[in-house]
């Protein structure tokens, strides 16, 4: 039993060194995320807070929102998933837009029943394939961790602060991945 504790005490400095968490404004952000991100550390934390508040606002507004996904990048909120009515779609967008710090809401919610678990598993596999494929984008100074990937019902949504050349290469590569039905870019361009 004593050896387990000794191992944990010995390994903690290595874990912290590899991925030191930063506490900013009550949110924990890993140093690796901040080091590679084109957003400021404060913006990364703000996005996480906006995401949490948007999710809560949508949940409070649509009590039966079974499959509304919220992603935030640089103050831009992306809503994906399904809602039952056009009114719910509008209400979800309004709820997200009411959160302090939101610059823009991109509402990609579909009207219909929530996707089934097997489709969500397929979407997770597509997201993994996309993230792996981004490692092969051959551009100077391109960092695949700067692209946020979300997949819903075979549609891949890409977010991030990128150059137009990076966006074109990424989109071209993602379109060829097995299981991708459509690519929607929600990029902000640096040039």
N, C-alpha and C. Protein backbone atom coordinates (compact mmCIF):
# COMPACT_ATOMS: atom_id res chain seq x y z
N UNK A 1 0.83 -1.19 0.00
CA UNK A 1 0.00 0.00 0.00
C UNK A 1 0.88 1.25 0.00
N UNK A 2 1.95 1.22 0.75
CA UNK A 2 2.84 2.36 0.85
C UNK A 2 3.48 2.68 -0.50
N UNK A 3 3.76 1.65 -1.29
CA UNK A 3 4.39 1.85 -2.60
C UNK A 3 3.47 2.61 -3.55
N UNK A 4 2.16 2.40 -3.46
CA UNK A 4 1.21 3.13 -4.31
C UNK A 4 1.32 4.63 -4.05
N UNK A 5 1.36 5.01 -2.78
CA UNK A 5 1.42 6.43 -2.44
C UNK A 5 2.76 7.02 -2.87
N UNK A 6 3.83 6.26 -2.69
CA UNK A 6 5.14 6.72 -3.10
C UNK A 6 5.18 6.94 -4.61
N UNK A 7 4.59 6.02 -5.36
CA UNK A 7 4.52 6.14 -6.82
C UNK A 7 3.74 7.40 -7.20
N UNK A 8 2.61 7.64 -6.56
CA UNK A 8 1.78 8.80 -6.87
C UNK A 8 2.54 10.10 -6.56
N UNK A 9 3.20 10.16 -5.44
CA UNK A 9 3.96 11.35 -5.07
C UNK A 9 5.10 11.57 -6.05
N UNK A 10 5.74 10.50 -6.50
CA UNK A 10 6.84 10.58 -7.44
C UNK A 10 6.37 11.02 -8.82
N UNK A 11 5.23 10.55 -9.27
CA UNK A 11 4.76 10.82 -10.62
C UNK A 11 4.06 12.17 -10.77
N UNK A 12 3.50 12.72 -9.73
CA UNK A 12 2.76 13.98 -9.84
C UNK A 12 3.59 15.10 -10.45
N UNK A 13 4.86 15.31 -10.04
CA UNK A 13 5.62 16.38 -10.68
C UNK A 13 5.78 16.20 -12.19
N UNK A 14 5.89 14.96 -12.66
CA UNK A 14 6.01 14.73 -14.09
C UNK A 14 4.72 15.06 -14.82
N UNK A 15 3.59 14.67 -14.24
CA UNK A 15 2.31 14.98 -14.86
C UNK A 15 2.10 16.49 -14.92
N UNK A 16 2.43 17.16 -13.81
CA UNK A 16 2.24 18.60 -13.78
C UNK A 16 3.16 19.30 -14.77
N UNK A 17 4.35 18.80 -14.90
CA UNK A 17 5.31 19.39 -15.82
C UNK A 17 4.83 19.26 -17.26
N UNK A 18 4.21 18.14 -17.60
CA UNK A 18 3.76 17.89 -18.97
C UNK A 18 2.51 18.69 -19.30
N UNK A 19 1.67 18.92 -18.33
CA UNK A 19 0.38 19.55 -18.62
C UNK A 19 -0.08 20.32 -17.39
N UNK A 20 0.62 21.38 -17.07
CA UNK A 20 0.35 22.14 -15.86
C UNK A 20 -0.99 22.86 -15.95
N UNK A 21 -1.89 22.62 -15.00
CA UNK A 21 -3.16 23.33 -15.05
C UNK A 21 -3.00 24.76 -14.55
N UNK A 22 -3.69 25.67 -15.18
CA UNK A 22 -3.73 27.06 -14.75
C UNK A 22 -5.12 27.33 -14.19
N UNK A 23 -5.19 28.03 -13.10
CA UNK A 23 -6.49 28.41 -12.57
C UNK A 23 -6.67 29.89 -12.86
N UNK A 24 -7.63 30.19 -13.73
CA UNK A 24 -7.89 31.56 -14.12
C UNK A 24 -9.38 31.79 -13.98
N UNK A 25 -9.76 32.74 -13.16
CA UNK A 25 -11.17 33.05 -13.00
C UNK A 25 -12.00 31.87 -12.54
N UNK A 26 -11.41 30.96 -11.77
CA UNK A 26 -12.16 29.83 -11.25
C UNK A 26 -12.23 28.65 -12.20
N UNK A 27 -11.70 28.76 -13.42
CA UNK A 27 -11.72 27.64 -14.37
C UNK A 27 -10.30 27.10 -14.52
N UNK A 28 -10.21 25.79 -14.69
CA UNK A 28 -8.91 25.16 -14.87
C UNK A 28 -8.68 24.97 -16.36
N UNK A 29 -7.54 25.46 -16.83
CA UNK A 29 -7.17 25.35 -18.24
C UNK A 29 -5.76 24.78 -18.29
N UNK A 30 -5.53 23.79 -19.12
CA UNK A 30 -4.20 23.22 -19.17
C UNK A 30 -3.25 24.13 -19.91
N UNK A 31 -2.00 24.10 -19.49
CA UNK A 31 -0.98 24.94 -20.11
C UNK A 31 -0.76 24.58 -21.57
N UNK A 32 -0.92 23.31 -21.92
CA UNK A 32 -0.74 22.91 -23.31
C UNK A 32 -1.79 23.58 -24.18
N UNK A 33 -3.04 23.61 -23.73
CA UNK A 33 -4.09 24.26 -24.50
C UNK A 33 -3.75 25.72 -24.71
N UNK A 34 -3.34 26.39 -23.66
CA UNK A 34 -3.04 27.81 -23.74
C UNK A 34 -1.81 28.07 -24.60
N UNK A 35 -0.81 27.23 -24.49
CA UNK A 35 0.43 27.45 -25.22
C UNK A 35 0.24 27.36 -26.73
N UNK A 36 -0.65 26.51 -27.20
CA UNK A 36 -0.84 26.30 -28.64
C UNK A 36 -2.00 27.09 -29.21
N UNK A 37 -2.80 27.65 -28.37
CA UNK A 37 -4.01 28.33 -28.82
C UNK A 37 -3.70 29.73 -29.30
N UNK A 38 -4.40 30.18 -30.31
CA UNK A 38 -4.23 31.55 -30.79
C UNK A 38 -5.06 32.54 -29.97
N UNK A 39 -5.93 32.02 -29.13
CA UNK A 39 -6.68 32.88 -28.23
C UNK A 39 -5.82 33.16 -27.00
N UNK A 40 -6.10 34.26 -26.34
CA UNK A 40 -5.39 34.55 -25.09
C UNK A 40 -5.87 33.59 -24.01
N UNK A 41 -5.08 33.37 -22.96
CA UNK A 41 -5.53 32.50 -21.87
C UNK A 41 -6.87 32.97 -21.29
N UNK A 42 -7.05 34.27 -21.17
CA UNK A 42 -8.31 34.81 -20.66
C UNK A 42 -9.48 34.48 -21.57
N UNK A 43 -9.25 34.55 -22.88
CA UNK A 43 -10.31 34.23 -23.85
C UNK A 43 -10.69 32.76 -23.77
N UNK A 44 -9.69 31.88 -23.58
CA UNK A 44 -9.95 30.44 -23.45
C UNK A 44 -10.85 30.20 -22.25
N UNK A 45 -10.54 30.84 -21.14
CA UNK A 45 -11.35 30.69 -19.93
C UNK A 45 -12.74 31.28 -20.15
N UNK A 46 -12.79 32.45 -20.76
CA UNK A 46 -14.09 33.08 -21.04
C UNK A 46 -14.96 32.15 -21.89
N UNK A 47 -14.37 31.51 -22.90
CA UNK A 47 -15.13 30.60 -23.76
C UNK A 47 -15.69 29.43 -22.97
N UNK A 48 -14.90 28.90 -22.04
CA UNK A 48 -15.39 27.78 -21.22
C UNK A 48 -16.56 28.24 -20.32
N UNK A 49 -16.45 29.44 -19.80
CA UNK A 49 -17.52 29.98 -18.95
C UNK A 49 -18.77 30.23 -19.80
N UNK A 50 -18.59 30.82 -20.97
CA UNK A 50 -19.73 31.07 -21.88
C UNK A 50 -20.40 29.76 -22.25
N UNK A 51 -19.60 28.73 -22.50
CA UNK A 51 -20.18 27.43 -22.86
C UNK A 51 -21.05 26.88 -21.73
N UNK A 52 -20.53 26.92 -20.52
CA UNK A 52 -21.28 26.41 -19.37
C UNK A 52 -22.56 27.22 -19.15
N UNK A 53 -22.45 28.54 -19.24
CA UNK A 53 -23.63 29.39 -19.02
C UNK A 53 -24.65 29.22 -20.15
N UNK A 54 -24.17 29.05 -21.37
CA UNK A 54 -25.09 28.84 -22.50
C UNK A 54 -25.84 27.52 -22.36
N UNK A 55 -25.10 26.48 -21.98
CA UNK A 55 -25.75 25.17 -21.78
C UNK A 55 -26.83 25.27 -20.70
N UNK A 56 -26.51 25.96 -19.62
CA UNK A 56 -27.50 26.11 -18.54
C UNK A 56 -28.69 26.93 -19.01
N UNK A 57 -28.44 28.03 -19.71
CA UNK A 57 -29.54 28.88 -20.19
C UNK A 57 -30.45 28.10 -21.13
N UNK A 58 -29.87 27.30 -22.00
CA UNK A 58 -30.67 26.50 -22.93
C UNK A 58 -31.45 25.44 -22.18
N UNK A 59 -30.79 24.78 -21.24
CA UNK A 59 -31.48 23.75 -20.45
C UNK A 59 -32.64 24.36 -19.65
N UNK A 60 -32.43 25.53 -19.07
CA UNK A 60 -33.49 26.18 -18.30
C UNK A 60 -34.64 26.63 -19.21
N UNK A 61 -34.32 26.98 -20.45
CA UNK A 61 -35.33 27.44 -21.40
C UNK A 61 -36.09 26.27 -22.01
N UNK A 62 -35.36 25.24 -22.40
CA UNK A 62 -35.96 24.05 -23.03
C UNK A 62 -35.78 22.88 -22.08
N UNK A 63 -36.70 22.69 -21.22
CA UNK A 63 -36.57 21.65 -20.19
C UNK A 63 -36.35 20.26 -20.79
N UNK A 64 -36.86 20.01 -21.98
CA UNK A 64 -36.73 18.68 -22.58
C UNK A 64 -35.69 18.66 -23.71
N UNK A 65 -34.68 19.53 -23.61
CA UNK A 65 -33.64 19.56 -24.65
C UNK A 65 -32.71 18.36 -24.45
N UNK A 66 -32.98 17.31 -25.19
CA UNK A 66 -32.23 16.07 -25.02
C UNK A 66 -30.91 16.07 -25.78
N UNK A 67 -30.85 16.80 -26.87
CA UNK A 67 -29.62 16.75 -27.66
C UNK A 67 -29.30 18.10 -28.29
N UNK A 68 -28.92 19.03 -27.44
CA UNK A 68 -28.44 20.32 -27.91
C UNK A 68 -27.00 20.43 -27.44
N UNK A 69 -26.08 20.50 -28.41
CA UNK A 69 -24.66 20.62 -28.10
C UNK A 69 -24.26 22.09 -28.24
N UNK A 70 -23.43 22.54 -27.32
CA UNK A 70 -22.94 23.91 -27.34
C UNK A 70 -21.42 23.88 -27.40
N UNK A 71 -20.86 24.53 -28.42
CA UNK A 71 -19.42 24.71 -28.53
C UNK A 71 -19.15 26.20 -28.63
N UNK A 72 -18.07 26.65 -28.02
CA UNK A 72 -17.74 28.07 -28.05
C UNK A 72 -16.28 28.23 -28.42
N UNK A 73 -16.02 29.15 -29.33
CA UNK A 73 -14.65 29.46 -29.71
C UNK A 73 -14.57 30.96 -30.00
N UNK A 74 -13.77 31.65 -29.23
CA UNK A 74 -13.55 33.08 -29.40
C UNK A 74 -14.85 33.89 -29.31
N UNK A 75 -15.72 33.48 -28.40
CA UNK A 75 -16.97 34.19 -28.19
C UNK A 75 -18.08 33.83 -29.16
N UNK A 76 -17.79 32.93 -30.12
CA UNK A 76 -18.79 32.47 -31.08
C UNK A 76 -19.38 31.17 -30.57
N UNK A 77 -20.70 31.14 -30.42
CA UNK A 77 -21.40 29.97 -29.90
C UNK A 77 -21.96 29.19 -31.08
N UNK A 78 -21.65 27.90 -31.14
CA UNK A 78 -22.18 27.00 -32.16
C UNK A 78 -23.17 26.06 -31.49
N UNK A 79 -24.41 26.08 -31.97
CA UNK A 79 -25.44 25.17 -31.46
C UNK A 79 -25.67 24.08 -32.50
N UNK A 80 -25.54 22.83 -32.09
CA UNK A 80 -25.80 21.69 -32.97
C UNK A 80 -26.66 20.69 -32.24
N UNK A 81 -27.21 19.77 -32.99
CA UNK A 81 -28.07 18.75 -32.41
C UNK A 81 -29.48 18.90 -32.94
N UNK A 82 -30.44 18.47 -32.15
CA UNK A 82 -31.83 18.48 -32.59
C UNK A 82 -32.74 19.05 -31.51
N UNK A 83 -33.78 19.74 -31.97
CA UNK A 83 -34.87 20.20 -31.12
C UNK A 83 -36.18 19.80 -31.80
N UNK A 84 -37.26 19.78 -31.06
CA UNK A 84 -38.51 19.27 -31.61
C UNK A 84 -39.27 20.24 -32.50
N UNK A 85 -39.10 21.56 -32.24
CA UNK A 85 -39.88 22.53 -33.01
C UNK A 85 -39.02 23.73 -33.44
N UNK A 86 -39.53 24.48 -34.41
CA UNK A 86 -38.85 25.70 -34.85
C UNK A 86 -38.82 26.71 -33.70
N UNK A 87 -39.86 26.73 -32.90
CA UNK A 87 -39.91 27.62 -31.74
C UNK A 87 -38.79 27.28 -30.75
N UNK A 88 -38.56 25.98 -30.50
CA UNK A 88 -37.47 25.56 -29.62
C UNK A 88 -36.11 25.98 -30.19
N UNK A 89 -35.96 25.89 -31.48
CA UNK A 89 -34.72 26.29 -32.16
C UNK A 89 -34.45 27.77 -31.90
N UNK A 90 -35.47 28.59 -32.08
CA UNK A 90 -35.34 30.03 -31.85
C UNK A 90 -35.07 30.33 -30.39
N UNK A 91 -35.78 29.65 -29.49
CA UNK A 91 -35.61 29.88 -28.06
C UNK A 91 -34.21 29.49 -27.59
N UNK A 92 -33.67 28.41 -28.14
CA UNK A 92 -32.30 27.98 -27.79
C UNK A 92 -31.30 29.04 -28.23
N UNK A 93 -31.48 29.57 -29.44
CA UNK A 93 -30.58 30.62 -29.93
C UNK A 93 -30.67 31.87 -29.06
N UNK A 94 -31.89 32.27 -28.72
CA UNK A 94 -32.08 33.45 -27.87
C UNK A 94 -31.43 33.25 -26.50
N UNK A 95 -31.57 32.04 -25.95
CA UNK A 95 -30.98 31.76 -24.63
C UNK A 95 -29.46 31.88 -24.69
N UNK A 96 -28.86 31.32 -25.74
CA UNK A 96 -27.40 31.40 -25.87
C UNK A 96 -26.96 32.85 -26.09
N UNK A 97 -27.69 33.58 -26.91
CA UNK A 97 -27.33 34.97 -27.22
C UNK A 97 -27.43 35.87 -25.99
N UNK A 98 -28.23 35.49 -25.01
CA UNK A 98 -28.41 36.32 -23.82
C UNK A 98 -27.25 36.22 -22.84
N UNK A 99 -26.34 35.29 -23.06
CA UNK A 99 -25.21 35.10 -22.15
C UNK A 99 -24.16 36.18 -22.39
N UNK A 100 -23.69 36.77 -21.31
CA UNK A 100 -22.67 37.82 -21.40
C UNK A 100 -21.41 37.29 -22.08
N UNK A 101 -20.86 38.07 -23.01
CA UNK A 101 -19.63 37.69 -23.69
C UNK A 101 -19.82 37.01 -25.02
N UNK A 102 -21.06 36.64 -25.36
CA UNK A 102 -21.32 35.98 -26.64
C UNK A 102 -21.26 37.04 -27.73
N UNK A 103 -20.39 36.81 -28.71
CA UNK A 103 -20.26 37.74 -29.84
C UNK A 103 -21.22 37.40 -30.96
N UNK A 104 -21.50 36.10 -31.12
CA UNK A 104 -22.31 35.64 -32.24
C UNK A 104 -22.80 34.23 -31.93
N UNK A 105 -24.01 33.91 -32.41
CA UNK A 105 -24.53 32.55 -32.28
C UNK A 105 -24.74 31.98 -33.68
N UNK A 106 -24.15 30.82 -33.92
CA UNK A 106 -24.36 30.10 -35.17
C UNK A 106 -25.28 28.94 -34.84
N UNK A 107 -26.52 29.03 -35.31
CA UNK A 107 -27.54 28.06 -34.94
C UNK A 107 -27.69 27.01 -36.04
N UNK A 108 -27.11 25.85 -35.78
CA UNK A 108 -27.19 24.72 -36.71
C UNK A 108 -28.10 23.61 -36.17
N UNK A 109 -28.99 23.98 -35.25
CA UNK A 109 -29.92 22.99 -34.70
C UNK A 109 -30.89 22.53 -35.78
N UNK A 110 -31.11 21.22 -35.83
CA UNK A 110 -32.08 20.65 -36.76
C UNK A 110 -33.37 20.38 -36.00
N UNK A 111 -34.47 20.46 -36.72
CA UNK A 111 -35.76 20.15 -36.12
C UNK A 111 -36.04 18.67 -36.35
N UNK A 112 -36.24 17.96 -35.26
CA UNK A 112 -36.49 16.53 -35.36
C UNK A 112 -36.20 15.86 -34.03
N UNK A 113 -36.33 14.55 -34.03
CA UNK A 113 -36.06 13.79 -32.81
C UNK A 113 -34.56 13.66 -32.61
N UNK A 114 -34.12 13.56 -31.35
CA UNK A 114 -32.69 13.42 -31.08
C UNK A 114 -32.11 12.18 -31.78
N UNK A 115 -30.86 12.31 -32.23
CA UNK A 115 -30.21 11.17 -32.86
C UNK A 115 -30.07 10.04 -31.84
N UNK A 116 -30.02 8.84 -32.36
CA UNK A 116 -29.90 7.67 -31.49
C UNK A 116 -28.45 7.49 -31.05
N UNK A 117 -28.29 6.66 -30.04
CA UNK A 117 -26.97 6.43 -29.47
C UNK A 117 -26.00 5.89 -30.53
N UNK A 118 -26.47 4.98 -31.40
CA UNK A 118 -25.55 4.43 -32.40
C UNK A 118 -25.05 5.51 -33.35
N UNK A 119 -25.88 6.50 -33.69
CA UNK A 119 -25.43 7.60 -34.54
C UNK A 119 -24.43 8.47 -33.79
N UNK A 120 -24.64 8.67 -32.52
CA UNK A 120 -23.71 9.48 -31.74
C UNK A 120 -22.35 8.79 -31.63
N UNK A 121 -22.37 7.46 -31.55
CA UNK A 121 -21.11 6.72 -31.53
C UNK A 121 -20.40 6.84 -32.87
N UNK A 122 -21.16 6.78 -33.97
CA UNK A 122 -20.56 6.99 -35.30
C UNK A 122 -19.97 8.39 -35.40
N UNK A 123 -20.69 9.38 -34.88
CA UNK A 123 -20.20 10.76 -34.91
C UNK A 123 -18.91 10.90 -34.11
N UNK A 124 -18.83 10.23 -32.97
CA UNK A 124 -17.60 10.28 -32.16
C UNK A 124 -16.44 9.66 -32.93
N UNK A 125 -16.71 8.59 -33.66
CA UNK A 125 -15.66 7.96 -34.47
C UNK A 125 -15.21 8.89 -35.59
N UNK A 126 -16.16 9.58 -36.22
CA UNK A 126 -15.81 10.54 -37.28
C UNK A 126 -14.96 11.66 -36.70
N UNK A 127 -15.35 12.18 -35.55
CA UNK A 127 -14.57 13.24 -34.91
C UNK A 127 -13.13 12.77 -34.66
N UNK A 128 -12.98 11.54 -34.18
CA UNK A 128 -11.63 11.00 -33.94
C UNK A 128 -10.83 10.90 -35.24
N UNK A 129 -11.48 10.43 -36.31
CA UNK A 129 -10.79 10.34 -37.60
C UNK A 129 -10.39 11.72 -38.11
N UNK A 130 -11.27 12.70 -37.91
CA UNK A 130 -10.96 14.07 -38.36
C UNK A 130 -9.76 14.60 -37.58
N UNK A 131 -9.76 14.45 -36.28
CA UNK A 131 -8.65 14.96 -35.47
C UNK A 131 -7.34 14.28 -35.85
N UNK A 132 -7.40 13.00 -36.13
CA UNK A 132 -6.20 12.28 -36.58
C UNK A 132 -5.74 12.80 -37.94
N UNK A 133 -6.68 13.03 -38.85
CA UNK A 133 -6.34 13.52 -40.19
C UNK A 133 -5.72 14.92 -40.13
N UNK A 134 -6.13 15.71 -39.16
CA UNK A 134 -5.59 17.06 -39.04
C UNK A 134 -4.10 17.04 -38.69
N UNK A 135 -3.64 15.95 -38.09
CA UNK A 135 -2.21 15.81 -37.79
C UNK A 135 -1.38 15.74 -39.08
N UNK A 136 -2.04 15.39 -40.19
CA UNK A 136 -1.34 15.22 -41.46
C UNK A 136 -1.43 16.44 -42.38
N UNK A 137 -2.04 17.51 -41.91
CA UNK A 137 -2.11 18.73 -42.71
C UNK A 137 -0.70 19.31 -42.78
N UNK A 138 -0.18 19.42 -44.00
CA UNK A 138 1.20 19.83 -44.21
C UNK A 138 1.28 21.31 -44.56
N UNK A 139 1.34 22.11 -43.51
CA UNK A 139 1.51 23.56 -43.67
C UNK A 139 2.46 24.04 -42.59
N UNK A 140 3.35 24.98 -42.94
CA UNK A 140 4.25 25.51 -41.91
C UNK A 140 3.46 26.16 -40.77
N UNK A 141 3.86 25.88 -39.56
CA UNK A 141 3.26 26.47 -38.35
C UNK A 141 1.81 26.08 -38.11
N UNK A 142 1.27 25.11 -38.85
CA UNK A 142 -0.12 24.69 -38.58
C UNK A 142 -0.13 23.78 -37.37
N UNK A 143 -1.02 24.04 -36.47
CA UNK A 143 -1.19 23.23 -35.27
C UNK A 143 -2.63 22.73 -35.24
N UNK A 144 -2.82 21.41 -35.36
CA UNK A 144 -4.19 20.87 -35.42
C UNK A 144 -5.00 21.10 -34.15
N UNK A 145 -4.35 21.38 -33.04
CA UNK A 145 -5.11 21.62 -31.81
C UNK A 145 -5.82 22.97 -31.84
N UNK A 146 -5.55 23.77 -32.84
CA UNK A 146 -6.22 25.07 -32.99
C UNK A 146 -7.56 24.95 -33.70
N UNK A 147 -7.91 23.75 -34.13
CA UNK A 147 -9.18 23.53 -34.81
C UNK A 147 -10.08 22.71 -33.89
N UNK A 148 -11.23 23.26 -33.56
CA UNK A 148 -12.21 22.56 -32.73
C UNK A 148 -13.14 21.80 -33.65
N UNK A 149 -13.34 20.52 -33.37
CA UNK A 149 -14.12 19.64 -34.24
C UNK A 149 -15.34 19.11 -33.48
N UNK A 150 -16.50 19.23 -34.11
CA UNK A 150 -17.74 18.68 -33.57
C UNK A 150 -18.44 17.96 -34.71
N UNK A 151 -18.97 16.78 -34.45
CA UNK A 151 -19.70 16.03 -35.48
C UNK A 151 -21.08 15.69 -34.96
N UNK A 152 -22.09 16.01 -35.76
CA UNK A 152 -23.47 15.68 -35.42
C UNK A 152 -24.15 15.13 -36.67
N UNK A 153 -24.61 13.89 -36.57
CA UNK A 153 -25.33 13.24 -37.67
C UNK A 153 -24.54 13.26 -38.99
N UNK A 154 -23.23 13.05 -38.88
CA UNK A 154 -22.37 12.99 -40.06
C UNK A 154 -21.90 14.33 -40.58
N UNK A 155 -22.40 15.43 -40.02
CA UNK A 155 -21.94 16.75 -40.42
C UNK A 155 -20.83 17.17 -39.47
N UNK A 156 -19.69 17.57 -40.04
CA UNK A 156 -18.54 17.98 -39.25
C UNK A 156 -18.49 19.50 -39.22
N UNK A 157 -18.43 20.05 -38.02
CA UNK A 157 -18.34 21.50 -37.81
C UNK A 157 -16.93 21.81 -37.35
N UNK A 158 -16.30 22.80 -38.00
CA UNK A 158 -14.93 23.18 -37.69
C UNK A 158 -14.90 24.62 -37.20
N UNK A 159 -14.27 24.85 -36.06
CA UNK A 159 -14.15 26.18 -35.50
C UNK A 159 -12.67 26.48 -35.23
N UNK A 160 -12.32 27.75 -35.21
CA UNK A 160 -10.97 28.12 -34.84
C UNK A 160 -10.55 29.42 -35.48
N UNK A 161 -9.39 29.91 -35.04
CA UNK A 161 -8.77 31.09 -35.62
C UNK A 161 -7.68 30.57 -36.57
N UNK A 162 -7.91 30.69 -37.86
CA UNK A 162 -7.00 30.12 -38.85
C UNK A 162 -6.77 31.10 -40.00
N UNK A 163 -5.74 30.82 -40.77
CA UNK A 163 -5.54 31.57 -42.00
C UNK A 163 -6.44 30.96 -43.07
N UNK A 164 -6.67 31.68 -44.14
CA UNK A 164 -7.50 31.14 -45.23
C UNK A 164 -6.86 29.90 -45.86
N UNK A 165 -5.54 29.89 -45.93
CA UNK A 165 -4.84 28.73 -46.48
C UNK A 165 -5.03 27.51 -45.58
N UNK A 166 -4.93 27.72 -44.26
CA UNK A 166 -5.16 26.62 -43.31
C UNK A 166 -6.59 26.11 -43.43
N UNK A 167 -7.54 27.03 -43.52
CA UNK A 167 -8.95 26.64 -43.63
C UNK A 167 -9.19 25.80 -44.88
N UNK A 168 -8.61 26.22 -46.00
CA UNK A 168 -8.80 25.48 -47.26
C UNK A 168 -8.21 24.07 -47.16
N UNK A 169 -6.99 23.95 -46.62
CA UNK A 169 -6.33 22.64 -46.50
C UNK A 169 -7.11 21.73 -45.55
N UNK A 170 -7.53 22.29 -44.41
CA UNK A 170 -8.26 21.50 -43.42
C UNK A 170 -9.58 21.01 -44.01
N UNK A 171 -10.32 21.91 -44.62
CA UNK A 171 -11.63 21.55 -45.19
C UNK A 171 -11.48 20.50 -46.27
N UNK A 172 -10.48 20.67 -47.13
CA UNK A 172 -10.23 19.70 -48.20
C UNK A 172 -9.93 18.32 -47.62
N UNK A 173 -9.11 18.25 -46.60
CA UNK A 173 -8.76 16.96 -45.99
C UNK A 173 -9.96 16.34 -45.30
N UNK A 174 -10.74 17.14 -44.58
CA UNK A 174 -11.87 16.61 -43.81
C UNK A 174 -12.95 16.06 -44.74
N UNK A 175 -13.17 16.69 -45.86
CA UNK A 175 -14.21 16.22 -46.80
C UNK A 175 -13.98 14.80 -47.29
N UNK A 176 -12.73 14.34 -47.28
CA UNK A 176 -12.40 13.01 -47.81
C UNK A 176 -12.47 11.91 -46.75
N UNK A 177 -12.79 12.25 -45.54
CA UNK A 177 -12.77 11.27 -44.45
C UNK A 177 -14.05 10.43 -44.47
N UNK A 178 -13.88 9.14 -44.26
CA UNK A 178 -15.01 8.21 -44.22
C UNK A 178 -16.02 8.63 -43.15
N UNK A 179 -17.28 8.67 -43.54
CA UNK A 179 -18.35 9.00 -42.60
C UNK A 179 -18.74 10.46 -42.59
N UNK A 180 -17.97 11.32 -43.28
CA UNK A 180 -18.28 12.75 -43.32
C UNK A 180 -19.28 12.99 -44.44
N UNK A 181 -20.47 13.45 -44.07
CA UNK A 181 -21.51 13.76 -45.06
C UNK A 181 -21.39 15.19 -45.55
N UNK A 182 -21.00 16.08 -44.65
CA UNK A 182 -20.96 17.51 -44.95
C UNK A 182 -19.97 18.18 -44.01
N UNK A 183 -19.35 19.27 -44.48
CA UNK A 183 -18.44 20.05 -43.64
C UNK A 183 -18.97 21.47 -43.54
N UNK A 184 -19.10 21.97 -42.32
CA UNK A 184 -19.54 23.34 -42.08
C UNK A 184 -18.40 24.05 -41.35
N UNK A 185 -17.90 25.13 -41.95
CA UNK A 185 -16.82 25.87 -41.31
C UNK A 185 -17.37 27.09 -40.57
N UNK A 186 -16.91 27.22 -39.35
CA UNK A 186 -17.28 28.37 -38.52
C UNK A 186 -15.96 29.04 -38.10
N UNK A 187 -15.04 29.10 -39.06
CA UNK A 187 -13.73 29.68 -38.81
C UNK A 187 -13.79 31.20 -38.74
N UNK A 188 -12.84 31.75 -38.01
CA UNK A 188 -12.54 33.17 -38.07
C UNK A 188 -11.16 33.25 -38.70
N UNK A 189 -11.00 34.18 -39.63
CA UNK A 189 -9.76 34.23 -40.40
C UNK A 189 -8.81 35.28 -39.86
N UNK A 190 -7.54 34.92 -39.84
CA UNK A 190 -6.48 35.81 -39.35
C UNK A 190 -5.97 36.72 -40.46
N UNK A 191 -6.28 36.38 -41.72
CA UNK A 191 -5.81 37.20 -42.85
C UNK A 191 -6.94 37.65 -43.74
